[in-house]
Amino acid sequence: QKGNLSSIKTLYLEKDIRFLLHEPIVWKFRDFKIFLRKLKKATEKKNWDKADRLKANKPKYSLDHIVKERYPTFIDAIRDLEDCLCLCFLYSTFPKTARTPIEMVEL
């Protein structure tokens, strides 16, 4: 028998995996996955009261800490904004033809 014939393999260090396990956003995603599982189970059993209660207490997550980690100061955020503005300008200079939809070019 032949195993996986794919030649592309991505290997990760154990240290990197351990680092990602402690990331707060991963825990929020796990909570959301559990929420979806509980909601599905409640709706399949037609337990509408529990489903409504679960929907009211839907877990929320924010990306504030990731943004603060990426851009510790306002100046860092402004420096990175230049790339976005250049990309917007590039799209605005595209010709409006049948191959490029107006929604893609119009700002």
PDB file of N, CA and C in Angstrom:
ATOM      1  N   GLN A   1       0.836  -1.183   0.000  1.00  0.00           N
ATOM      2  CA  GLN A   1       0.000   0.000   0.000  1.00  0.00           C
ATOM      3  C   GLN A   1       0.873   1.235   0.000  1.00  0.00           C
ATOM      4  N   LYS A   2       0.398   2.245  -0.696  1.00  0.00           N
ATOM      5  CA  LYS A   2       1.111   3.501  -0.723  1.00  0.00           C
ATOM      6  C   LYS A   2       0.415   4.474   0.215  1.00  0.00           C
ATOM      7  N   GLY A   3       1.198   5.254   0.881  1.00  0.00           N
ATOM      8  CA  GLY A   3       0.649   6.255   1.792  1.00  0.00           C
ATOM      9  C   GLY A   3       0.248   7.504   1.032  1.00  0.00           C
ATOM     10  N   ASN A   4       0.327   8.614   1.696  1.00  0.00           N
ATOM     11  CA  ASN A   4      -0.008   9.891   1.092  1.00  0.00           C
ATOM     12  C   ASN A   4       1.049  10.235   0.047  1.00  0.00           C
ATOM     13  N   LEU A   5       0.622  10.465  -1.181  1.00  0.00           N
ATOM     14  CA  LEU A   5       1.548  10.735  -2.263  1.00  0.00           C
ATOM     15  C   LEU A   5       1.872  12.214  -2.392  1.00  0.00           C
ATOM     16  N   SER A   6       1.300  13.035  -1.560  1.00  0.00           N
ATOM     17  CA  SER A   6       1.548  14.468  -1.630  1.00  0.00           C
ATOM     18  C   SER A   6       2.987  14.760  -1.226  1.00  0.00           C
ATOM     19  N   SER A   7       3.663  15.565  -2.025  1.00  0.00           N
ATOM     20  CA  SER A   7       5.052  15.899  -1.715  1.00  0.00           C
ATOM     21  C   SER A   7       5.145  17.146  -0.843  1.00  0.00           C
ATOM     22  N   ILE A   8       4.065  17.887  -0.714  1.00  0.00           N
ATOM     23  CA  ILE A   8       4.077  19.105   0.096  1.00  0.00           C
ATOM     24  C   ILE A   8       3.699  18.739   1.526  1.00  0.00           C
ATOM     25  N   LYS A   9       4.606  19.028   2.431  1.00  0.00           N
ATOM     26  CA  LYS A   9       4.352  18.749   3.837  1.00  0.00           C
ATOM     27  C   LYS A   9       4.708  19.982   4.640  1.00  0.00           C
ATOM     28  N   THR A  10       3.843  20.347   5.558  1.00  0.00           N
ATOM     29  CA  THR A  10       4.114  21.466   6.440  1.00  0.00           C
ATOM     30  C   THR A  10       4.378  20.908   7.820  1.00  0.00           C
ATOM     31  N   LEU A  11       5.566  21.172   8.308  1.00  0.00           N
ATOM     32  CA  LEU A  11       5.948  20.684   9.626  1.00  0.00           C
ATOM     33  C   LEU A  11       6.028  21.867  10.583  1.00  0.00           C
ATOM     34  N   TYR A  12       5.533  21.661  11.791  1.00  0.00           N
ATOM     35  CA  TYR A  12       5.544  22.710  12.795  1.00  0.00           C
ATOM     36  C   TYR A  12       6.368  22.247  13.988  1.00  0.00           C
ATOM     37  N   LEU A  13       7.014  23.194  14.629  1.00  0.00           N
ATOM     38  CA  LEU A  13       7.740  22.884  15.847  1.00  0.00           C
ATOM     39  C   LEU A  13       6.754  22.769  17.000  1.00  0.00           C
ATOM     40  N   GLU A  14       7.064  21.907  17.930  1.00  0.00           N
ATOM     41  CA  GLU A  14       6.199  21.723  19.097  1.00  0.00           C
ATOM     42  C   GLU A  14       6.081  23.025  19.893  1.00  0.00           C
ATOM     43  N   LYS A  15       7.144  23.792  19.919  1.00  0.00           N
ATOM     44  CA  LYS A  15       7.152  25.073  20.627  1.00  0.00           C
ATOM     45  C   LYS A  15       6.106  26.024  20.032  1.00  0.00           C
ATOM     46  N   ASP A  16       5.997  26.056  18.698  1.00  0.00           N
ATOM     47  CA  ASP A  16       5.027  26.924  18.036  1.00  0.00           C
ATOM     48  C   ASP A  16       3.599  26.492  18.330  1.00  0.00           C
ATOM     49  N   ILE A  17       3.368  25.197  18.351  1.00  0.00           N
ATOM     50  CA  ILE A  17       2.028  24.685  18.637  1.00  0.00           C
ATOM     51  C   ILE A  17       1.643  25.002  20.074  1.00  0.00           C
ATOM     52  N   ARG A  18       2.577  24.832  20.989  1.00  0.00           N
ATOM     53  CA  ARG A  18       2.302  25.166  22.395  1.00  0.00           C
ATOM     54  C   ARG A  18       2.008  26.655  22.563  1.00  0.00           C
ATOM     55  N   PHE A  19       2.706  27.490  21.811  1.00  0.00           N
ATOM     56  CA  PHE A  19       2.463  28.931  21.865  1.00  0.00           C
ATOM     57  C   PHE A  19       1.053  29.259  21.391  1.00  0.00           C
ATOM     58  N   LEU A  20       0.614  28.631  20.304  1.00  0.00           N
ATOM     59  CA  LEU A  20      -0.716  28.900  19.762  1.00  0.00           C
ATOM     60  C   LEU A  20      -1.829  28.382  20.671  1.00  0.00           C
ATOM     61  N   LEU A  21      -1.552  27.346  21.434  1.00  0.00           N
ATOM     62  CA  LEU A  21      -2.565  26.810  22.342  1.00  0.00           C
ATOM     63  C   LEU A  21      -2.949  27.811  23.423  1.00  0.00           C
ATOM     64  N   HIS A  22      -2.040  28.719  23.756  1.00  0.00           N
ATOM     65  CA  HIS A  22      -2.312  29.695  24.805  1.00  0.00           C
ATOM     66  C   HIS A  22      -2.857  31.008  24.257  1.00  0.00           C
ATOM     67  N   GLU A  23      -3.111  31.080  22.969  1.00  0.00           N
ATOM     68  CA  GLU A  23      -3.659  32.285  22.370  1.00  0.00           C
ATOM     69  C   GLU A  23      -5.135  32.417  22.767  1.00  0.00           C
ATOM     70  N   PRO A  24      -5.551  33.565  23.278  1.00  0.00           N
ATOM     71  CA  PRO A  24      -6.942  33.719  23.740  1.00  0.00           C
ATOM     72  C   PRO A  24      -7.989  33.520  22.651  1.00  0.00           C
ATOM     73  N   ILE A  25      -7.671  33.884  21.419  1.00  0.00           N
ATOM     74  CA  ILE A  25      -8.669  33.764  20.351  1.00  0.00           C
ATOM     75  C   ILE A  25      -8.975  32.303  20.056  1.00  0.00           C
ATOM     76  N   VAL A  26      -8.007  31.410  20.278  1.00  0.00           N
ATOM     77  CA  VAL A  26      -8.236  29.978  20.066  1.00  0.00           C
ATOM     78  C   VAL A  26      -9.283  29.472  21.048  1.00  0.00           C
ATOM     79  N   TRP A  27      -9.203  29.940  22.297  1.00  0.00           N
ATOM     80  CA  TRP A  27     -10.195  29.528  23.301  1.00  0.00           C
ATOM     81  C   TRP A  27     -11.575  30.047  22.929  1.00  0.00           C
ATOM     82  N   LYS A  28     -11.641  31.255  22.367  1.00  0.00           N
ATOM     83  CA  LYS A  28     -12.942  31.799  21.956  1.00  0.00           C
ATOM     84  C   LYS A  28     -13.531  30.976  20.814  1.00  0.00           C
ATOM     85  N   PHE A  29     -12.691  30.555  19.881  1.00  0.00           N
ATOM     86  CA  PHE A  29     -13.177  29.721  18.784  1.00  0.00           C
ATOM     87  C   PHE A  29     -13.659  28.362  19.296  1.00  0.00           C
ATOM     88  N   ARG A  30     -12.972  27.832  20.287  1.00  0.00           N
ATOM     89  CA  ARG A  30     -13.415  26.565  20.876  1.00  0.00           C
ATOM     90  C   ARG A  30     -14.765  26.739  21.560  1.00  0.00           C
ATOM     91  N   ASP A  31     -14.933  27.845  22.285  1.00  0.00           N
ATOM     92  CA  ASP A  31     -16.225  28.126  22.920  1.00  0.00           C
ATOM     93  C   ASP A  31     -17.332  28.240  21.884  1.00  0.00           C
ATOM     94  N   PHE A  32     -17.018  28.894  20.747  1.00  0.00           N
ATOM     95  CA  PHE A  32     -18.030  29.047  19.705  1.00  0.00           C
ATOM     96  C   PHE A  32     -18.382  27.704  19.078  1.00  0.00           C
ATOM     97  N   LYS A  33     -17.393  26.834  18.922  1.00  0.00           N
ATOM     98  CA  LYS A  33     -17.641  25.498  18.378  1.00  0.00           C
ATOM     99  C   LYS A  33     -18.551  24.694  19.307  1.00  0.00           C
ATOM    100  N   ILE A  34     -18.307  24.799  20.610  1.00  0.00           N
ATOM    101  CA  ILE A  34     -19.158  24.124  21.592  1.00  0.00           C
ATOM    102  C   ILE A  34     -20.567  24.701  21.557  1.00  0.00           C
ATOM    103  N   PHE A  35     -20.675  26.025  21.408  1.00  0.00           N
ATOM    104  CA  PHE A  35     -21.973  26.681  21.308  1.00  0.00           C
ATOM    105  C   PHE A  35     -22.759  26.140  20.114  1.00  0.00           C
ATOM    106  N   LEU A  36     -22.096  26.034  18.960  1.00  0.00           N
ATOM    107  CA  LEU A  36     -22.783  25.528  17.767  1.00  0.00           C
ATOM    108  C   LEU A  36     -23.241  24.084  17.955  1.00  0.00           C
ATOM    109  N   ARG A  37     -22.416  23.282  18.610  1.00  0.00           N
ATOM    110  CA  ARG A  37     -22.779  21.890  18.855  1.00  0.00           C
ATOM    111  C   ARG A  37     -23.997  21.799  19.772  1.00  0.00           C
ATOM    112  N   LYS A  38     -24.015  22.606  20.839  1.00  0.00           N
ATOM    113  CA  LYS A  38     -25.157  22.603  21.757  1.00  0.00           C
ATOM    114  C   LYS A  38     -26.418  23.112  21.076  1.00  0.00           C
ATOM    115  N   LEU A  39     -26.275  24.148  20.250  1.00  0.00           N
ATOM    116  CA  LEU A  39     -27.436  24.697  19.545  1.00  0.00           C
ATOM    117  C   LEU A  39     -28.008  23.687  18.560  1.00  0.00           C
ATOM    118  N   LYS A  40     -27.141  22.994  17.851  1.00  0.00           N
ATOM    119  CA  LYS A  40     -27.599  21.974  16.895  1.00  0.00           C
ATOM    120  C   LYS A  40     -28.333  20.846  17.616  1.00  0.00           C
ATOM    121  N   LYS A  41     -27.784  20.435  18.749  1.00  0.00           N
ATOM    122  CA  LYS A  41     -28.407  19.353  19.517  1.00  0.00           C
ATOM    123  C   LYS A  41     -29.779  19.780  20.036  1.00  0.00           C
ATOM    124  N   ALA A  42     -29.890  21.027  20.505  1.00  0.00           N
ATOM    125  CA  ALA A  42     -31.163  21.512  21.033  1.00  0.00           C
ATOM    126  C   ALA A  42     -32.207  21.638  19.928  1.00  0.00           C
ATOM    127  N   THR A  43     -31.797  22.105  18.746  1.00  0.00           N
ATOM    128  CA  THR A  43     -32.770  22.236  17.657  1.00  0.00           C
ATOM    129  C   THR A  43     -33.183  20.879  17.106  1.00  0.00           C
ATOM    130  N   GLU A  44     -32.271  19.911  17.077  1.00  0.00           N
ATOM    131  CA  GLU A  44     -32.636  18.577  16.606  1.00  0.00           C
ATOM    132  C   GLU A  44     -33.614  17.901  17.550  1.00  0.00           C
ATOM    133  N   LYS A  45     -33.476  18.177  18.843  1.00  0.00           N
ATOM    134  CA  LYS A  45     -34.409  17.609  19.813  1.00  0.00           C
ATOM    135  C   LYS A  45     -35.676  18.453  19.958  1.00  0.00           C
ATOM    136  N   LYS A  46     -35.733  19.557  19.191  1.00  0.00           N
ATOM    137  CA  LYS A  46     -36.879  20.485  19.214  1.00  0.00           C
ATOM    138  C   LYS A  46     -37.100  21.055  20.612  1.00  0.00           C
ATOM    139  N   ASN A  47     -36.010  21.314  21.289  1.00  0.00           N
ATOM    140  CA  ASN A  47     -36.047  21.948  22.599  1.00  0.00           C
ATOM    141  C   ASN A  47     -35.845  23.446  22.363  1.00  0.00           C
ATOM    142  N   TRP A  48     -36.962  24.139  22.007  1.00  0.00           N
ATOM    143  CA  TRP A  48     -36.887  25.526  21.560  1.00  0.00           C
ATOM    144  C   TRP A  48     -36.512  26.481  22.687  1.00  0.00           C
ATOM    145  N   ASP A  49     -36.905  26.164  23.911  1.00  0.00           N
ATOM    146  CA  ASP A  49     -36.545  27.039  25.030  1.00  0.00           C
ATOM    147  C   ASP A  49     -35.024  27.073  25.215  1.00  0.00           C
ATOM    148  N   LYS A  50     -34.417  25.912  25.188  1.00  0.00           N
ATOM    149  CA  LYS A  50     -32.970  25.847  25.357  1.00  0.00           C
ATOM    150  C   LYS A  50     -32.268  26.508  24.174  1.00  0.00           C
ATOM    151  N   ALA A  51     -32.803  26.314  22.965  1.00  0.00           N
ATOM    152  CA  ALA A  51     -32.193  26.918  21.781  1.00  0.00           C
ATOM    153  C   ALA A  51     -32.257  28.443  21.864  1.00  0.00           C
ATOM    154  N   ASP A  52     -33.387  28.985  22.318  1.00  0.00           N
ATOM    155  CA  ASP A  52     -33.509  30.435  22.464  1.00  0.00           C
ATOM    156  C   ASP A  52     -32.561  30.968  23.534  1.00  0.00           C
ATOM    157  N   ARG A  53     -32.442  30.227  24.625  1.00  0.00           N
ATOM    158  CA  ARG A  53     -31.534  30.638  25.693  1.00  0.00           C
ATOM    159  C   ARG A  53     -30.081  30.624  25.208  1.00  0.00           C
ATOM    160  N   LEU A  54     -29.724  29.613  24.426  1.00  0.00           N
ATOM    161  CA  LEU A  54     -28.373  29.541  23.880  1.00  0.00           C
ATOM    162  C   LEU A  54     -28.105  30.689  22.904  1.00  0.00           C
ATOM    163  N   LYS A  55     -29.102  31.013  22.068  1.00  0.00           N
ATOM    164  CA  LYS A  55     -28.937  32.111  21.118  1.00  0.00           C
ATOM    165  C   LYS A  55     -28.763  33.439  21.845  1.00  0.00           C
ATOM    166  N   ALA A  56     -29.452  33.594  22.967  1.00  0.00           N
ATOM    167  CA  ALA A  56     -29.326  34.837  23.735  1.00  0.00           C
ATOM    168  C   ALA A  56     -27.946  34.956  24.373  1.00  0.00           C
ATOM    169  N   ASN A  57     -27.340  33.831  24.717  1.00  0.00           N
ATOM    170  CA  ASN A  57     -26.021  33.830  25.357  1.00  0.00           C
ATOM    171  C   ASN A  57     -24.920  33.413  24.390  1.00  0.00           C
ATOM    172  N   LYS A  58     -25.055  33.826  23.150  1.00  0.00           N
ATOM    173  CA  LYS A  58     -24.070  33.471  22.127  1.00  0.00           C
ATOM    174  C   LYS A  58     -22.707  34.045  22.510  1.00  0.00           C
ATOM    175  N   PRO A  59     -21.637  33.228  22.446  1.00  0.00           N
ATOM    176  CA  PRO A  59     -20.312  33.750  22.821  1.00  0.00           C
ATOM    177  C   PRO A  59     -19.820  34.789  21.823  1.00  0.00           C
ATOM    178  N   LYS A  60     -19.146  35.791  22.349  1.00  0.00           N
ATOM    179  CA  LYS A  60     -18.624  36.876  21.515  1.00  0.00           C
ATOM    180  C   LYS A  60     -17.120  36.916  21.658  1.00  0.00           C
ATOM    181  N   TYR A  61     -16.474  37.381  20.609  1.00  0.00           N
ATOM    182  CA  TYR A  61     -15.028  37.530  20.672  1.00  0.00           C
ATOM    183  C   TYR A  61     -14.639  38.839  20.001  1.00  0.00           C
ATOM    184  N   SER A  62     -13.522  39.375  20.437  1.00  0.00           N
ATOM    185  CA  SER A  62     -13.012  40.603  19.828  1.00  0.00           C
ATOM    186  C   SER A  62     -11.556  40.389  19.446  1.00  0.00           C
ATOM    187  N   LEU A  63     -11.122  41.148  18.477  1.00  0.00           N
ATOM    188  CA  LEU A  63      -9.764  41.029  17.974  1.00  0.00           C
ATOM    189  C   LEU A  63      -8.893  42.190  18.446  1.00  0.00           C
ATOM    190  N   ASP A  64      -9.321  42.863  19.500  1.00  0.00           N
ATOM    191  CA  ASP A  64      -8.587  44.030  19.989  1.00  0.00           C
ATOM    192  C   ASP A  64      -7.158  43.694  20.369  1.00  0.00           C
ATOM    193  N   HIS A  65      -6.967  42.600  21.094  1.00  0.00           N
ATOM    194  CA  HIS A  65      -5.622  42.273  21.552  1.00  0.00           C
ATOM    195  C   HIS A  65      -4.688  41.917  20.396  1.00  0.00           C
ATOM    196  N   ILE A  66      -5.251  41.348  19.320  1.00  0.00           N
ATOM    197  CA  ILE A  66      -4.423  41.008  18.162  1.00  0.00           C
ATOM    198  C   ILE A  66      -4.002  42.282  17.425  1.00  0.00           C
ATOM    199  N   VAL A  67      -4.937  43.239  17.315  1.00  0.00           N
ATOM    200  CA  VAL A  67      -4.609  44.506  16.661  1.00  0.00           C
ATOM    201  C   VAL A  67      -3.578  45.269  17.481  1.00  0.00           C
ATOM    202  N   LYS A  68      -3.747  45.270  18.802  1.00  0.00           N
ATOM    203  CA  LYS A  68      -2.776  45.967  19.660  1.00  0.00           C
ATOM    204  C   LYS A  68      -1.405  45.306  19.608  1.00  0.00           C
ATOM    205  N   GLU A  69      -1.386  43.997  19.429  1.00  0.00           N
ATOM    206  CA  GLU A  69      -0.110  43.293  19.311  1.00  0.00           C
ATOM    207  C   GLU A  69       0.567  43.623  17.988  1.00  0.00           C
ATOM    208  N   ARG A  70      -0.225  43.728  16.936  1.00  0.00           N
ATOM    209  CA  ARG A  70       0.321  44.017  15.595  1.00  0.00           C
ATOM    210  C   ARG A  70       0.733  45.478  15.476  1.00  0.00           C
ATOM    211  N   TYR A  71      -0.068  46.383  16.024  1.00  0.00           N
ATOM    212  CA  TYR A  71       0.204  47.814  15.962  1.00  0.00           C
ATOM    213  C   TYR A  71       0.243  48.379  17.374  1.00  0.00           C
ATOM    214  N   PRO A  72       1.385  48.336  18.043  1.00  0.00           N
ATOM    215  CA  PRO A  72       1.450  48.816  19.425  1.00  0.00           C
ATOM    216  C   PRO A  72       1.216  50.322  19.549  1.00  0.00           C
ATOM    217  N   THR A  73       1.603  51.088  18.524  1.00  0.00           N
ATOM    218  CA  THR A  73       1.378  52.533  18.582  1.00  0.00           C
ATOM    219  C   THR A  73       0.578  52.968  17.368  1.00  0.00           C
ATOM    220  N   PHE A  74       0.023  54.167  17.476  1.00  0.00           N
ATOM    221  CA  PHE A  74      -0.770  54.720  16.381  1.00  0.00           C
ATOM    222  C   PHE A  74       0.100  54.962  15.153  1.00  0.00           C
ATOM    223  N   ILE A  75       1.339  55.329  15.352  1.00  0.00           N
ATOM    224  CA  ILE A  75       2.262  55.587  14.243  1.00  0.00           C
ATOM    225  C   ILE A  75       2.492  54.317  13.429  1.00  0.00           C
ATOM    226  N   ASP A  76       2.595  53.169  14.103  1.00  0.00           N
ATOM    227  CA  ASP A  76       2.764  51.898  13.383  1.00  0.00           C
ATOM    228  C   ASP A  76       1.559  51.605  12.495  1.00  0.00           C
ATOM    229  N   ALA A  77       0.373  51.901  12.996  1.00  0.00           N
ATOM    230  CA  ALA A  77      -0.836  51.673  12.203  1.00  0.00           C
ATOM    231  C   ALA A  77      -0.869  52.593  10.989  1.00  0.00           C
ATOM    232  N   ILE A  78      -0.469  53.838  11.164  1.00  0.00           N
ATOM    233  CA  ILE A  78      -0.452  54.792  10.046  1.00  0.00           C
ATOM    234  C   ILE A  78       0.567  54.378   8.995  1.00  0.00           C
ATOM    235  N   ARG A  79       1.725  53.887   9.424  1.00  0.00           N
ATOM    236  CA  ARG A  79       2.745  53.435   8.468  1.00  0.00           C
ATOM    237  C   ARG A  79       2.231  52.276   7.619  1.00  0.00           C
ATOM    238  N   ASP A  80       1.477  51.368   8.218  1.00  0.00           N
ATOM    239  CA  ASP A  80       0.959  50.220   7.476  1.00  0.00           C
ATOM    240  C   ASP A  80      -0.232  50.609   6.607  1.00  0.00           C
ATOM    241  N   LEU A  81      -0.872  51.723   6.917  1.00  0.00           N
ATOM    242  CA  LEU A  81      -2.029  52.173   6.142  1.00  0.00           C
ATOM    243  C   LEU A  81      -1.632  52.589   4.739  1.00  0.00           C
ATOM    244  N   GLU A  82      -0.392  52.976   4.566  1.00  0.00           N
ATOM    245  CA  GLU A  82       0.080  53.408   3.255  1.00  0.00           C
ATOM    246  C   GLU A  82      -0.074  52.294   2.228  1.00  0.00           C
ATOM    247  N   ASP A  83       0.182  51.052   2.605  1.00  0.00           N
ATOM    248  CA  ASP A  83       0.046  49.921   1.690  1.00  0.00           C
ATOM    249  C   ASP A  83      -1.397  49.772   1.215  1.00  0.00           C
ATOM    250  N   CYS A  84      -2.339  49.941   2.137  1.00  0.00           N
ATOM    251  CA  CYS A  84      -3.758  49.822   1.776  1.00  0.00           C
ATOM    252  C   CYS A  84      -4.163  50.912   0.805  1.00  0.00           C
ATOM    253  N   LEU A  85      -3.711  52.143   1.055  1.00  0.00           N
ATOM    254  CA  LEU A  85      -4.064  53.252   0.167  1.00  0.00           C
ATOM    255  C   LEU A  85      -3.474  53.057  -1.222  1.00  0.00           C
ATOM    256  N   CYS A  86      -2.263  52.537  -1.298  1.00  0.00           N
ATOM    257  CA  CYS A  86      -1.658  52.268  -2.605  1.00  0.00           C
ATOM    258  C   CYS A  86      -2.452  51.207  -3.361  1.00  0.00           C
ATOM    259  N   LEU A  87      -2.918  50.190  -2.650  1.00  0.00           N
ATOM    260  CA  LEU A  87      -3.708  49.135  -3.286  1.00  0.00           C
ATOM    261  C   LEU A  87      -5.049  49.679  -3.783  1.00  0.00           C
ATOM    262  N   CYS A  88      -5.689  50.538  -2.994  1.00  0.00           N
ATOM    263  CA  CYS A  88      -6.948  51.159  -3.434  1.00  0.00           C
ATOM    264  C   CYS A  88      -6.727  52.013  -4.677  1.00  0.00           C
ATOM    265  N   PHE A  89      -5.644  52.765  -4.700  1.00  0.00           N
ATOM    266  CA  PHE A  89      -5.336  53.583  -5.875  1.00  0.00           C
ATOM    267  C   PHE A  89      -5.104  52.702  -7.090  1.00  0.00           C
ATOM    268  N   LEU A  90      -4.422  51.571  -6.901  1.00  0.00           N
ATOM    269  CA  LEU A  90      -4.164  50.657  -8.010  1.00  0.00           C
ATOM    270  C   LEU A  90      -5.475  50.143  -8.600  1.00  0.00           C
ATOM    271  N   TYR A  91      -6.413  49.731  -7.741  1.00  0.00           N
ATOM    272  CA  TYR A  91      -7.706  49.249  -8.231  1.00  0.00           C
ATOM    273  C   TYR A  91      -8.479  50.360  -8.931  1.00  0.00           C
ATOM    274  N   SER A  92      -8.336  51.584  -8.470  1.00  0.00           N
ATOM    275  CA  SER A  92      -9.091  52.678  -9.088  1.00  0.00           C
ATOM    276  C   SER A  92      -8.553  53.021 -10.471  1.00  0.00           C
ATOM    277  N   THR A  93      -7.305  52.662 -10.754  1.00  0.00           N
ATOM    278  CA  THR A  93      -6.746  52.955 -12.077  1.00  0.00           C
ATOM    279  C   THR A  93      -7.020  51.848 -13.088  1.00  0.00           C
ATOM    280  N   PHE A  94      -7.633  50.757 -12.662  1.00  0.00           N
ATOM    281  CA  PHE A  94      -7.965  49.688 -13.605  1.00  0.00           C
ATOM    282  C   PHE A  94      -8.960  50.198 -14.644  1.00  0.00           C
ATOM    283  N   PRO A  95      -8.832  49.749 -15.886  1.00  0.00           N
ATOM    284  CA  PRO A  95      -9.798  50.170 -16.902  1.00  0.00           C
ATOM    285  C   PRO A  95     -11.144  49.486 -16.672  1.00  0.00           C
ATOM    286  N   LYS A  96     -12.179  50.194 -17.004  1.00  0.00           N
ATOM    287  CA  LYS A  96     -13.519  49.625 -16.869  1.00  0.00           C
ATOM    288  C   LYS A  96     -13.866  48.936 -18.178  1.00  0.00           C
ATOM    289  N   THR A  97     -13.713  47.613 -18.192  1.00  0.00           N
ATOM    290  CA  THR A  97     -13.993  46.829 -19.392  1.00  0.00           C
ATOM    291  C   THR A  97     -15.002  45.745 -19.042  1.00  0.00           C
ATOM    292  N   ALA A  98     -15.325  44.951 -20.019  1.00  0.00           N
ATOM    293  CA  ALA A  98     -16.269  43.855 -19.791  1.00  0.00           C
ATOM    294  C   ALA A  98     -15.658  42.780 -18.901  1.00  0.00           C
ATOM    295  N   ARG A  99     -14.340  42.663 -18.919  1.00  0.00           N
ATOM    296  CA  ARG A  99     -13.690  41.630 -18.107  1.00  0.00           C
ATOM    297  C   ARG A  99     -13.536  42.037 -16.631  1.00  0.00           C
ATOM    298  N   THR A 100     -13.460  43.310 -16.365  1.00  0.00           N
ATOM    299  CA  THR A 100     -13.347  43.775 -14.982  1.00  0.00           C
ATOM    300  C   THR A 100     -14.678  44.397 -14.582  1.00  0.00           C
ATOM    301  N   PRO A 101     -15.391  43.784 -13.667  1.00  0.00           N
ATOM    302  CA  PRO A 101     -16.687  44.327 -13.265  1.00  0.00           C
ATOM    303  C   PRO A 101     -16.524  45.692 -12.581  1.00  0.00           C
ATOM    304  N   ILE A 102     -17.551  46.498 -12.689  1.00  0.00           N
ATOM    305  CA  ILE A 102     -17.526  47.843 -12.109  1.00  0.00           C
ATOM    306  C   ILE A 102     -17.399  47.772 -10.601  1.00  0.00           C
ATOM    307  N   GLU A 103     -17.982  46.736  -9.965  1.00  0.00           N
ATOM    308  CA  GLU A 103     -17.906  46.620  -8.514  1.00  0.00           C
ATOM    309  C   GLU A 103     -16.459  46.468  -8.024  1.00  0.00           C
ATOM    310  N   MET A 104     -15.623  45.874  -8.862  1.00  0.00           N
ATOM    311  CA  MET A 104     -14.233  45.666  -8.470  1.00  0.00           C
ATOM    312  C   MET A 104     -13.425  46.952  -8.587  1.00  0.00           C
ATOM    313  N   VAL A 105     -13.766  47.785  -9.564  1.00  0.00           N
ATOM    314  CA  VAL A 105     -12.990  48.976  -9.831  1.00  0.00           C
ATOM    315  C   VAL A 105     -13.515  50.187  -9.077  1.00  0.00           C
ATOM    316  N   GLU A 106     -14.810  50.251  -8.879  1.00  0.00           N
ATOM    317  CA  GLU A 106     -15.420  51.432  -8.270  1.00  0.00           C
ATOM    318  C   GLU A 106     -15.129  51.505  -6.774  1.00  0.00           C
ATOM    319  N   LEU A 107     -14.748  52.671  -6.304  1.00  0.00           N
ATOM    320  CA  LEU A 107     -14.476  52.869  -4.877  1.00  0.00           C
ATOM    321  C   LEU A 107     -15.650  53.480  -4.156  1.00  0.00           C
TER     322      LEU A 107
END
